[in-house]
Amino acid sequence: MGGPLTIDFLGEHQVVEPGDALTFGRAADLVIDESNLYLHRVVGRFLWHDGLWWIENLGSQVELDVESDTGVRARLSACEPAATPAVAPLVGAHSAVRFAVGGLRYELVAFHGGMPVPEAAAPVLPGRETTQFGRVDLTDDERALLRVLADPVLHDPAGAGPGALPTNREVAQLLGWPLTKFNRKLDYLCVRLARAGVAGLQGGRGSEANNRRWRLIEHAVAARLVTLEDTHPRPASR
């Protein structure tokens, strides 16, 4: 797909023209996190080749997960010494690139042809508008919901997986809510973030619902919608 590529990282946008390339990492064209010394100086690179945009994994100890808005997914393995880096084409209107290093999770979004222009719509209430890709102004209830649901990941970002998340019923009990209220709040938050461009939040039942919860927390932690400072310290184990 021709045209420029716009890379969004937490609201910072960089545009790459066909024929050019953009590296990202701790000390790259796009600086991800200077304070994370576990992060490679150059983690990966967006590049134009043979009429397509591609992403290339240049990190020797990090995997890149790539997911397009069309549902196409790819996992790029770490780059072994003297080996050819793993690459994947960027398809669809936009693709999310996710990786975890040193206990922290990161997400970049690559838009084909520049950032999307919001469609005209009815006015929204103050504090409800989307501020940028994948970021919304949370209500107090939504912040509380994320704080409890994301607690295992925030306290163990490198080791916690989907199975570590508390159940919906457990979260509702901790918040003192009826389960119906929790489900309603969760559904509405997922709809708002999906409208803001976050893929994978439209799951229904069973495994799809579990994947949706994990995708929600994965994005919320990467975009810092909720942080460890938002949680209460856990009691020391005895």
Protein backbone atom coordinates (compact mmCIF):
# COMPACT_ATOMS: atom_id res chain seq x y z
CA MET A 1 0.00 0.00 0.00
CA GLY A 2 1.55 3.27 -1.13
CA GLY A 3 1.70 6.64 0.55
CA PRO A 4 3.36 7.82 3.75
CA LEU A 5 3.35 5.89 7.01
CA THR A 6 2.53 7.71 10.26
CA ILE A 7 3.86 6.15 13.46
CA ASP A 8 2.02 6.98 16.69
CA PHE A 9 3.64 6.34 20.07
CA LEU A 10 1.64 7.74 23.00
CA GLY A 11 0.59 10.75 20.95
CA GLU A 12 3.98 11.45 19.34
CA HIS A 13 3.65 11.20 15.57
CA GLN A 14 6.39 10.68 12.98
CA VAL A 15 5.74 10.48 9.25
CA VAL A 16 7.86 8.27 7.01
CA GLU A 17 7.77 8.75 3.25
CA PRO A 18 8.09 5.86 0.77
CA GLY A 19 11.76 5.12 0.22
CA ASP A 20 12.71 6.19 3.75
CA ALA A 21 12.95 4.19 6.98
CA LEU A 22 12.36 4.83 10.68
CA THR A 23 14.07 3.00 13.56
CA PHE A 24 12.66 2.83 17.08
CA GLY A 25 14.23 1.99 20.42
CA ARG A 26 16.06 3.55 23.36
CA ALA A 27 18.36 5.61 21.11
CA ALA A 28 16.80 5.51 17.64
CA ASP A 29 14.93 7.79 15.23
CA LEU A 30 11.87 7.34 17.45
CA VAL A 31 12.93 7.24 21.10
CA ILE A 32 10.72 4.83 23.04
CA ASP A 33 12.03 4.92 26.61
CA GLU A 34 15.46 6.31 27.48
CA SER A 35 15.16 5.21 31.11
CA ASN A 36 14.64 1.49 30.39
CA LEU A 37 18.19 0.17 30.13
CA TYR A 38 16.90 -3.28 29.15
CA LEU A 39 15.52 -1.77 25.96
CA HIS A 40 17.73 -2.12 22.87
CA ARG A 41 19.13 1.06 21.41
CA VAL A 42 17.40 -0.02 18.20
CA VAL A 43 14.51 -2.47 18.61
CA GLY A 44 13.14 -2.43 15.08
CA ARG A 45 12.66 -0.53 11.87
CA PHE A 46 9.80 0.51 9.58
CA LEU A 47 10.91 0.45 5.96
CA TRP A 48 9.59 0.74 2.43
CA HIS A 49 10.44 -2.06 0.00
CA ASP A 50 8.98 -3.33 -3.23
CA GLY A 51 5.92 -1.08 -3.01
CA LEU A 52 4.99 -2.08 0.55
CA TRP A 53 5.64 -0.95 4.11
CA TRP A 54 7.35 -3.53 6.30
CA ILE A 55 8.44 -3.84 9.92
CA GLU A 56 11.75 -5.46 10.78
CA ASN A 57 12.82 -6.83 14.18
CA LEU A 58 16.42 -5.79 14.91
CA GLY A 59 16.35 -6.64 18.64
CA SER A 60 18.41 -9.62 19.78
CA GLN A 61 16.30 -10.32 22.88
CA VAL A 62 12.79 -9.09 22.09
CA GLU A 63 9.85 -10.40 20.07
CA LEU A 64 7.51 -8.07 18.20
CA ASP A 65 3.80 -8.81 17.93
CA VAL A 66 2.17 -7.17 14.92
CA GLU A 67 -1.61 -6.99 14.46
CA SER A 68 -3.48 -5.14 11.73
CA ASP A 69 -6.98 -3.75 11.92
CA THR A 70 -7.98 -6.52 9.49
CA GLY A 71 -7.07 -9.17 12.08
CA VAL A 72 -3.83 -10.32 10.42
CA ARG A 73 -1.23 -11.15 13.07
CA ALA A 74 2.48 -11.92 13.00
CA ARG A 75 5.11 -12.56 15.65
CA LEU A 76 8.64 -11.52 14.71
CA SER A 77 11.28 -13.51 16.54
CA ALA A 78 14.40 -11.93 18.03
CA CYS A 79 17.27 -11.33 15.63
CA GLU A 80 20.03 -13.88 16.12
CA PRO A 81 23.64 -12.74 15.55
CA ALA A 82 24.56 -12.75 11.86
CA ALA A 83 21.02 -13.87 10.97
CA THR A 84 18.56 -12.14 8.65
CA PRO A 85 16.05 -10.09 10.72
CA ALA A 86 12.44 -11.28 10.79
CA VAL A 87 10.11 -9.00 8.81
CA ALA A 88 6.38 -8.69 8.18
CA PRO A 89 4.35 -6.52 5.81
CA LEU A 90 2.00 -3.89 7.24
CA VAL A 91 -1.49 -4.45 5.88
CA GLY A 92 -4.85 -2.79 6.37
CA ALA A 93 -5.44 0.81 7.43
CA HIS A 94 -3.30 0.58 10.55
CA SER A 95 -1.18 -1.94 12.44
CA ALA A 96 -0.26 -2.18 16.12
CA VAL A 97 3.25 -3.24 17.13
CA ARG A 98 3.64 -4.51 20.70
CA PHE A 99 6.59 -5.74 22.74
CA ALA A 100 7.67 -6.10 26.36
CA VAL A 101 11.14 -5.35 27.73
CA GLY A 102 12.40 -5.15 31.30
CA GLY A 103 8.93 -5.62 32.76
CA LEU A 104 7.38 -2.81 30.69
CA ARG A 105 5.03 -3.12 27.71
CA TYR A 106 5.07 -0.82 24.69
CA GLU A 107 2.79 -0.26 21.74
CA LEU A 108 3.27 1.67 18.50
CA VAL A 109 0.61 2.12 15.83
CA ALA A 110 1.44 2.56 12.16
CA PHE A 111 -1.17 4.31 9.99
CA HIS A 112 -1.08 4.07 6.22
CA GLY A 113 -1.57 7.41 4.49
CA GLY A 114 -1.39 9.46 7.68
CA MET A 115 -3.57 9.73 10.77
CA PRO A 116 -7.29 9.22 10.19
CA VAL A 117 -9.48 12.31 10.12
CA PRO A 118 -12.33 12.03 12.64
CA GLU A 119 -15.79 11.92 11.09
CA ALA A 120 -18.25 14.67 11.92
CA ALA A 121 -20.47 13.55 14.77
CA ALA A 122 -22.82 14.88 17.37
CA PRO A 123 -21.15 16.79 20.21
CA VAL A 124 -19.97 14.62 23.09
CA LEU A 125 -19.99 15.39 26.76
CA PRO A 126 -16.86 17.03 28.21
CA GLY A 127 -14.39 14.42 29.39
CA ARG A 128 -15.72 11.77 27.00
CA GLU A 129 -13.88 12.65 23.82
CA THR A 130 -11.01 10.62 22.35
CA THR A 131 -7.80 12.57 22.84
CA GLN A 132 -5.63 10.48 20.51
CA PHE A 133 -5.33 6.96 19.18
CA GLY A 134 -6.21 4.42 21.83
CA ARG A 135 -6.55 7.00 24.61
CA VAL A 136 -9.81 8.15 26.17
CA ASP A 137 -10.61 10.20 29.24
CA LEU A 138 -11.63 7.62 31.82
CA THR A 139 -14.54 8.03 34.20
CA ASP A 140 -13.92 7.26 37.88
CA ASP A 141 -15.69 3.91 37.50
CA GLU A 142 -13.65 2.97 34.43
CA ARG A 143 -10.41 3.85 36.20
CA ALA A 144 -11.43 1.75 39.20
CA LEU A 145 -12.35 -1.17 36.94
CA LEU A 146 -8.98 -1.06 35.15
CA ARG A 147 -7.09 -0.66 38.41
CA VAL A 148 -8.50 -3.91 39.82
CA LEU A 149 -8.54 -5.94 36.59
CA ALA A 150 -4.96 -4.93 35.68
CA ASP A 151 -3.55 -5.43 39.19
CA PRO A 152 -1.72 -8.74 38.45
CA VAL A 153 -0.08 -7.31 35.31
CA LEU A 154 0.95 -4.06 36.99
CA HIS A 155 2.60 -5.94 39.85
CA ASP A 156 4.22 -8.60 37.62
CA PRO A 157 4.41 -7.19 34.07
CA ALA A 158 6.96 -9.74 32.88
CA GLY A 159 5.30 -12.85 34.28
CA ALA A 160 1.54 -12.28 34.38
CA GLY A 161 -0.50 -13.61 31.47
CA PRO A 162 -4.18 -13.78 30.55
CA GLY A 163 -4.80 -16.48 33.16
CA ALA A 164 -3.63 -14.17 35.95
CA LEU A 165 -6.51 -11.70 35.48
CA PRO A 166 -9.26 -11.90 38.10
CA THR A 167 -12.66 -13.05 36.88
CA ASN A 168 -15.41 -10.55 36.19
CA ARG A 169 -17.22 -11.72 39.31
CA GLU A 170 -14.09 -11.27 41.45
CA VAL A 171 -13.54 -7.75 40.16
CA ALA A 172 -17.19 -6.85 40.74
CA GLN A 173 -16.98 -8.13 44.33
CA LEU A 174 -13.78 -6.18 45.01
CA LEU A 175 -15.43 -3.02 43.69
CA GLY A 176 -18.65 -3.66 45.56
CA TRP A 177 -20.65 -3.67 42.31
CA PRO A 178 -23.36 -6.00 41.05
CA LEU A 179 -21.98 -8.20 38.26
CA THR A 180 -24.43 -6.60 35.83
CA LYS A 181 -22.92 -3.18 36.53
CA PHE A 182 -19.40 -4.48 35.97
CA ASN A 183 -20.34 -6.10 32.66
CA ARG A 184 -22.05 -2.92 31.50
CA LYS A 185 -19.05 -0.75 32.42
CA LEU A 186 -16.63 -3.19 30.77
CA ASP A 187 -18.68 -3.32 27.56
CA TYR A 188 -18.92 0.46 27.34
CA LEU A 189 -15.19 0.98 27.94
CA CYS A 190 -14.33 -1.57 25.25
CA VAL A 191 -16.68 0.15 22.80
CA ARG A 192 -15.09 3.55 23.51
CA LEU A 193 -11.55 2.23 23.02
CA ALA A 194 -12.55 0.32 19.88
CA ARG A 195 -13.90 3.58 18.43
CA ALA A 196 -10.54 5.15 19.35
CA GLY A 197 -8.82 2.60 17.11
CA VAL A 198 -7.90 -0.25 19.49
CA ALA A 199 -8.38 -3.63 17.83
CA GLY A 200 -9.44 -6.85 19.53
CA LEU A 201 -12.08 -5.44 21.89
CA GLN A 202 -15.17 -6.79 20.18
CA GLY A 203 -15.11 -10.33 21.61
CA GLY A 204 -18.33 -11.96 22.68
CA ARG A 205 -18.38 -15.16 24.72
CA GLY A 206 -15.94 -17.80 25.91
CA SER A 207 -12.39 -17.51 24.64
CA GLU A 208 -13.25 -14.37 22.66
CA ALA A 209 -14.38 -12.64 25.85
CA ASN A 210 -11.20 -13.71 27.66
CA ASN A 211 -9.07 -12.45 24.78
CA ARG A 212 -10.96 -9.16 24.90
CA ARG A 213 -10.20 -8.70 28.60
CA TRP A 214 -6.50 -9.43 28.03
CA ARG A 215 -6.36 -7.13 25.02
CA LEU A 216 -7.98 -4.37 27.10
CA ILE A 217 -5.43 -4.70 29.90
CA GLU A 218 -2.54 -5.11 27.49
CA HIS A 219 -3.46 -1.82 25.84
CA ALA A 220 -4.32 -0.02 29.09
CA VAL A 221 -0.91 -0.84 30.58
CA ALA A 222 1.03 -0.05 27.38
CA ALA A 223 -0.76 3.28 26.91
CA ARG A 224 -0.49 4.03 30.65
CA LEU A 225 -4.22 4.44 31.06
CA VAL A 226 -3.56 2.75 34.39
CA THR A 227 -0.20 2.50 36.20
CA LEU A 228 1.23 0.85 39.28
CA GLU A 229 0.80 4.14 41.13
CA ASP A 230 -2.97 3.74 40.69
CA THR A 231 -3.03 0.51 42.68
CA HIS A 232 -2.87 -0.05 46.40
CA PRO A 233 0.23 -1.78 47.81
CA ARG A 234 -0.25 -5.49 48.33
CA PRO A 235 0.14 -6.87 51.85
CA ALA A 236 3.43 -8.62 52.49
CA SER A 237 3.25 -12.39 52.26
CA ARG A 238 3.57 -14.33 55.47
